[in-house]
Protein backbone atom coordinates (compact mmCIF):
# COMPACT_ATOMS: atom_id res chain seq x y z
CA UNK A 1 59.85 157.12 -6.02
CA UNK A 2 62.61 155.67 -8.13
CA UNK A 3 61.76 153.62 -11.21
CA UNK A 4 63.47 150.62 -9.59
CA UNK A 5 61.23 150.83 -6.51
CA UNK A 6 58.17 151.30 -8.71
CA UNK A 7 59.17 148.19 -10.68
CA UNK A 8 59.31 146.16 -7.43
CA UNK A 9 55.93 147.44 -6.23
CA UNK A 10 54.26 146.95 -9.61
CA UNK A 11 55.55 143.40 -9.85
CA UNK A 12 53.84 142.60 -6.54
CA UNK A 13 50.58 144.22 -7.69
CA UNK A 14 50.69 142.33 -10.99
CA UNK A 15 51.23 139.00 -9.23
CA UNK A 16 48.10 139.50 -7.14
CA UNK A 17 45.95 140.95 -9.94
CA UNK A 18 42.40 142.09 -9.16
CA UNK A 19 40.63 145.43 -8.96
CA UNK A 20 42.24 146.81 -5.81
CA UNK A 21 45.68 145.95 -7.12
CA UNK A 22 44.82 147.59 -10.44
CA UNK A 23 44.04 150.83 -8.61
CA UNK A 24 47.27 150.62 -6.61
CA UNK A 25 49.26 149.99 -9.80
CA UNK A 26 47.61 152.99 -11.46
CA UNK A 27 48.60 155.23 -8.54
CA UNK A 28 52.19 153.98 -8.72
CA UNK A 29 52.33 154.62 -12.47
CA UNK A 30 50.86 158.10 -12.03
CA UNK A 31 53.57 158.97 -9.50
CA UNK A 32 56.29 157.62 -11.79
CA UNK A 33 54.89 159.62 -14.72
CA UNK A 34 54.77 162.78 -12.62
CA UNK A 35 58.35 162.42 -11.32
CA UNK A 36 60.14 160.77 -14.26
CA UNK A 37 57.94 161.32 -17.30
CA UNK A 38 55.33 159.39 -19.22
CA UNK A 39 58.00 157.47 -21.14
CA UNK A 40 59.28 155.84 -17.94
CA UNK A 41 55.76 154.83 -16.91
CA UNK A 42 55.10 153.45 -20.40
CA UNK A 43 58.31 151.44 -20.25
CA UNK A 44 57.17 149.87 -16.96
CA UNK A 45 53.78 149.01 -18.46
CA UNK A 46 55.48 147.24 -21.35
CA UNK A 47 58.21 145.57 -19.29
CA UNK A 48 55.84 144.16 -16.66
CA UNK A 49 53.09 143.36 -19.19
CA UNK A 50 50.61 145.49 -17.28
CA UNK A 51 48.62 145.79 -20.50
CA UNK A 52 47.87 142.08 -20.24
CA UNK A 53 47.35 141.98 -16.46
CA UNK A 54 45.37 145.18 -15.89
CA UNK A 55 44.51 146.41 -19.38
CA UNK A 56 46.75 149.51 -19.16
CA UNK A 57 47.86 151.01 -22.45
CA UNK A 58 51.21 152.72 -22.95
CA UNK A 59 50.63 156.42 -23.57
CA UNK A 60 47.33 156.45 -21.68
CA UNK A 61 46.78 159.10 -19.02
C-alpha cells in the first residue's frame, strides 16, 4: 500500500471515529510501517492527528 492510499483510507477512518475504525486504522498503520518504515507511519499519525482521534502515539508499536 502506498503512503498516499494509506492517507486516504486513514482520513476516512478518522472521520468516522469509534472502536472499529480505530482497529482498522491500526491495521493500515501497521502495513505502512512494515512496507515503508515506522517513520512514514509516524508521519501519518501526526499529519492526520490520529493521536487526538484514536490516541495513537508516534513511535508506538
